Structures are given as structure tokens and as C-alpha cells.
Amino acid sequence: MDAWRDGDVAEARCLGHALARLPAALFCEPGPTVIKGVQRGLIPPPDVRLPLLSVGKATVADALERLSRLEE
């Protein structure tokens, strides 16, 4: 937001693209299970109960990787 308000459109665009990658990973499979897996192992996949759907560990790992890139 600061970059956009300061008129640094290039930086704002770069940050926006980086941020857009995280929701793409979090919602690549149906249900909130990926998000729960990202919450530092709150519900390790695929150990969920219905109506949640299990997701692959690789999906959660990808989301965690994208999150770690934002935290750098």
C-alpha cells in the first residue's frame, strides 16, 4: 500500500504479483485444508475429517514455500 500511495507503481506491481501467488497456492484444491496445513501443522494432511477433503503434502509444501518467500 505504501509503494502505491508513494507513486512507486513498479514496486507496487512487483509486490502485488508476489502476493497473488500465495492465494493461488492456498486455494488450488477445494476446501480450507491447504490453509489449515499451512497453519504450521494444525491439521497435517491428509488427516482431516469429512466434509473436509484431504490434500497432498506437496500442495501444502508449495503454499509454505510461497509464504516463506513473502516473509523474506
N, C-alpha and C. Protein backbone atom coordinates (compact mmCIF):
# COMPACT_ATOMS: atom_id res chain seq x y z
N MET A 1 0.83 -1.18 0.00
CA MET A 1 0.00 0.00 0.00
C MET A 1 0.87 1.25 0.00
N ASP A 2 1.95 1.20 0.77
CA ASP A 2 2.82 2.38 0.84
C ASP A 2 3.44 2.68 -0.51
N ALA A 3 3.89 1.64 -1.20
CA ALA A 3 4.50 1.86 -2.52
C ALA A 3 3.49 2.47 -3.48
N TRP A 4 2.27 2.00 -3.45
CA TRP A 4 1.23 2.55 -4.34
C TRP A 4 0.94 4.00 -3.99
N ARG A 5 0.76 4.29 -2.70
CA ARG A 5 0.46 5.66 -2.28
C ARG A 5 1.62 6.61 -2.59
N ASP A 6 2.85 6.09 -2.52
CA ASP A 6 4.02 6.92 -2.80
C ASP A 6 4.28 7.08 -4.29
N GLY A 7 3.46 6.44 -5.11
CA GLY A 7 3.61 6.56 -6.56
C GLY A 7 4.64 5.62 -7.16
N ASP A 8 5.13 4.67 -6.38
CA ASP A 8 6.10 3.71 -6.88
C ASP A 8 5.34 2.53 -7.49
N VAL A 9 4.83 2.77 -8.68
CA VAL A 9 3.97 1.78 -9.34
C VAL A 9 4.72 0.49 -9.63
N ALA A 10 5.97 0.59 -10.03
CA ALA A 10 6.74 -0.62 -10.35
C ALA A 10 6.88 -1.51 -9.11
N GLU A 11 7.21 -0.91 -7.97
CA GLU A 11 7.34 -1.69 -6.73
C GLU A 11 6.00 -2.25 -6.30
N ALA A 12 4.95 -1.45 -6.39
CA ALA A 12 3.61 -1.92 -6.02
C ALA A 12 3.19 -3.09 -6.89
N ARG A 13 3.48 -3.02 -8.18
CA ARG A 13 3.13 -4.10 -9.10
C ARG A 13 3.91 -5.37 -8.76
N CYS A 14 5.20 -5.22 -8.48
CA CYS A 14 6.03 -6.37 -8.11
C CYS A 14 5.50 -7.03 -6.84
N LEU A 15 5.19 -6.24 -5.83
CA LEU A 15 4.64 -6.79 -4.58
C LEU A 15 3.28 -7.44 -4.82
N GLY A 16 2.46 -6.82 -5.63
CA GLY A 16 1.13 -7.39 -5.93
C GLY A 16 1.23 -8.74 -6.61
N HIS A 17 2.15 -8.86 -7.54
CA HIS A 17 2.34 -10.16 -8.21
C HIS A 17 2.83 -11.22 -7.23
N ALA A 18 3.74 -10.83 -6.34
CA ALA A 18 4.24 -11.77 -5.34
C ALA A 18 3.12 -12.20 -4.40
N LEU A 19 2.30 -11.27 -3.98
CA LEU A 19 1.19 -11.60 -3.08
C LEU A 19 0.15 -12.48 -3.75
N ALA A 20 -0.07 -12.30 -5.04
CA ALA A 20 -1.08 -13.07 -5.76
C ALA A 20 -0.73 -14.55 -5.84
N ARG A 21 0.54 -14.88 -5.74
CA ARG A 21 0.95 -16.28 -5.83
C ARG A 21 0.50 -17.09 -4.61
N LEU A 22 0.43 -16.45 -3.45
CA LEU A 22 0.05 -17.17 -2.23
C LEU A 22 -1.41 -17.64 -2.28
N PRO A 23 -2.39 -16.77 -2.56
CA PRO A 23 -3.77 -17.27 -2.63
C PRO A 23 -3.95 -18.34 -3.71
N ALA A 24 -3.19 -18.23 -4.79
CA ALA A 24 -3.28 -19.25 -5.83
C ALA A 24 -2.89 -20.62 -5.27
N ALA A 25 -1.88 -20.65 -4.41
CA ALA A 25 -1.45 -21.91 -3.80
C ALA A 25 -2.43 -22.36 -2.72
N LEU A 26 -2.95 -21.40 -1.93
CA LEU A 26 -3.85 -21.76 -0.84
C LEU A 26 -5.18 -22.31 -1.31
N PHE A 27 -5.62 -21.90 -2.49
CA PHE A 27 -6.92 -22.32 -2.99
C PHE A 27 -6.83 -23.18 -4.23
N CYS A 28 -5.69 -23.85 -4.44
CA CYS A 28 -5.54 -24.68 -5.63
C CYS A 28 -6.32 -25.99 -5.51
N GLU A 29 -6.70 -26.36 -4.30
CA GLU A 29 -7.55 -27.52 -4.08
C GLU A 29 -8.75 -27.08 -3.26
N PRO A 30 -9.88 -27.78 -3.38
CA PRO A 30 -11.09 -27.33 -2.68
C PRO A 30 -10.99 -27.45 -1.16
N GLY A 31 -11.68 -26.56 -0.52
CA GLY A 31 -11.76 -26.60 0.94
C GLY A 31 -10.61 -25.88 1.62
N PRO A 32 -10.70 -25.73 2.92
CA PRO A 32 -9.69 -24.98 3.68
C PRO A 32 -8.51 -25.83 4.15
N THR A 33 -8.38 -27.05 3.68
CA THR A 33 -7.37 -27.94 4.21
C THR A 33 -5.96 -27.44 3.93
N VAL A 34 -5.72 -26.83 2.79
CA VAL A 34 -4.39 -26.30 2.50
C VAL A 34 -4.05 -25.21 3.51
N ILE A 35 -5.00 -24.34 3.79
CA ILE A 35 -4.78 -23.27 4.76
C ILE A 35 -4.51 -23.85 6.14
N LYS A 36 -5.25 -24.86 6.52
CA LYS A 36 -5.04 -25.49 7.82
C LYS A 36 -3.66 -26.15 7.88
N GLY A 37 -3.23 -26.72 6.77
CA GLY A 37 -1.90 -27.31 6.73
C GLY A 37 -0.80 -26.27 6.85
N VAL A 38 -1.04 -25.11 6.27
CA VAL A 38 -0.08 -24.02 6.33
C VAL A 38 0.00 -23.43 7.74
N GLN A 39 -1.06 -23.55 8.49
CA GLN A 39 -1.07 -23.01 9.85
C GLN A 39 -0.16 -23.86 10.74
N ARG A 40 1.03 -24.06 10.25
CA ARG A 40 2.09 -24.75 10.98
C ARG A 40 1.66 -26.11 11.53
N GLY A 41 0.97 -26.87 10.66
CA GLY A 41 0.66 -28.24 11.00
C GLY A 41 -0.56 -28.42 11.88
N LEU A 42 -1.44 -27.43 11.89
CA LEU A 42 -2.65 -27.55 12.70
C LEU A 42 -3.39 -28.85 12.37
N ILE A 43 -3.57 -29.11 11.10
CA ILE A 43 -4.16 -30.37 10.65
C ILE A 43 -3.24 -30.90 9.55
N PRO A 44 -2.35 -31.82 9.89
CA PRO A 44 -1.44 -32.31 8.86
C PRO A 44 -2.20 -33.10 7.79
N PRO A 45 -2.01 -32.77 6.54
CA PRO A 45 -2.71 -33.51 5.50
C PRO A 45 -2.18 -34.93 5.44
N PRO A 46 -2.93 -35.91 5.14
CA PRO A 46 -4.34 -35.86 4.79
C PRO A 46 -5.27 -36.16 5.97
N ASP A 47 -4.84 -35.93 7.19
CA ASP A 47 -5.61 -36.29 8.37
C ASP A 47 -6.72 -35.28 8.68
N VAL A 48 -7.76 -35.32 7.91
CA VAL A 48 -8.91 -34.44 8.13
C VAL A 48 -10.17 -35.29 8.13
N ARG A 49 -11.22 -34.74 8.65
CA ARG A 49 -12.50 -35.47 8.67
C ARG A 49 -13.46 -34.81 7.68
N LEU A 50 -14.45 -35.55 7.27
CA LEU A 50 -15.47 -35.01 6.39
C LEU A 50 -16.19 -33.87 7.09
N PRO A 51 -16.61 -32.86 6.44
CA PRO A 51 -16.69 -32.68 4.99
C PRO A 51 -15.42 -32.13 4.36
N LEU A 52 -14.33 -31.97 5.12
CA LEU A 52 -13.08 -31.51 4.53
C LEU A 52 -12.51 -32.58 3.61
N LEU A 53 -11.79 -32.14 2.63
CA LEU A 53 -11.14 -33.04 1.69
C LEU A 53 -9.64 -33.02 1.95
N SER A 54 -9.02 -34.17 1.88
CA SER A 54 -7.58 -34.21 2.10
C SER A 54 -6.85 -33.60 0.90
N VAL A 55 -5.67 -33.10 1.18
CA VAL A 55 -4.82 -32.55 0.13
C VAL A 55 -3.45 -33.19 0.24
N GLY A 56 -2.71 -33.09 -0.82
CA GLY A 56 -1.38 -33.68 -0.83
C GLY A 56 -0.39 -32.87 -0.02
N LYS A 57 0.60 -33.54 0.53
CA LYS A 57 1.64 -32.85 1.29
C LYS A 57 2.42 -31.89 0.39
N ALA A 58 2.54 -32.23 -0.89
CA ALA A 58 3.25 -31.36 -1.82
C ALA A 58 2.51 -30.04 -2.00
N THR A 59 1.18 -30.08 -1.96
CA THR A 59 0.38 -28.86 -2.08
C THR A 59 0.63 -27.93 -0.91
N VAL A 60 0.65 -28.49 0.30
CA VAL A 60 0.92 -27.69 1.49
C VAL A 60 2.37 -27.18 1.46
N ALA A 61 3.29 -28.00 1.03
CA ALA A 61 4.69 -27.60 0.95
C ALA A 61 4.86 -26.43 -0.03
N ASP A 62 4.15 -26.48 -1.15
CA ASP A 62 4.21 -25.39 -2.13
C ASP A 62 3.67 -24.10 -1.51
N ALA A 63 2.56 -24.18 -0.81
CA ALA A 63 1.99 -22.99 -0.17
C ALA A 63 2.96 -22.43 0.88
N LEU A 64 3.59 -23.32 1.66
CA LEU A 64 4.55 -22.87 2.67
C LEU A 64 5.76 -22.21 2.02
N GLU A 65 6.19 -22.74 0.90
CA GLU A 65 7.32 -22.15 0.17
C GLU A 65 6.97 -20.74 -0.30
N ARG A 66 5.78 -20.59 -0.85
CA ARG A 66 5.36 -19.27 -1.33
C ARG A 66 5.23 -18.29 -0.17
N LEU A 67 4.76 -18.76 0.97
CA LEU A 67 4.64 -17.92 2.15
C LEU A 67 6.01 -17.49 2.65
N SER A 68 6.96 -18.41 2.64
CA SER A 68 8.30 -18.07 3.12
C SER A 68 8.96 -17.02 2.23
N ARG A 69 8.66 -17.05 0.95
CA ARG A 69 9.22 -16.04 0.05
C ARG A 69 8.71 -14.64 0.39
N LEU A 70 7.49 -14.55 0.88
CA LEU A 70 6.92 -13.26 1.26
C LEU A 70 7.53 -12.75 2.56
N GLU A 71 7.96 -13.65 3.41
CA GLU A 71 8.48 -13.27 4.71
C GLU A 71 9.95 -12.83 4.65
N GLU A 72 10.57 -12.98 3.49
CA GLU A 72 12.00 -12.61 3.37
C GLU A 72 12.17 -11.12 3.32
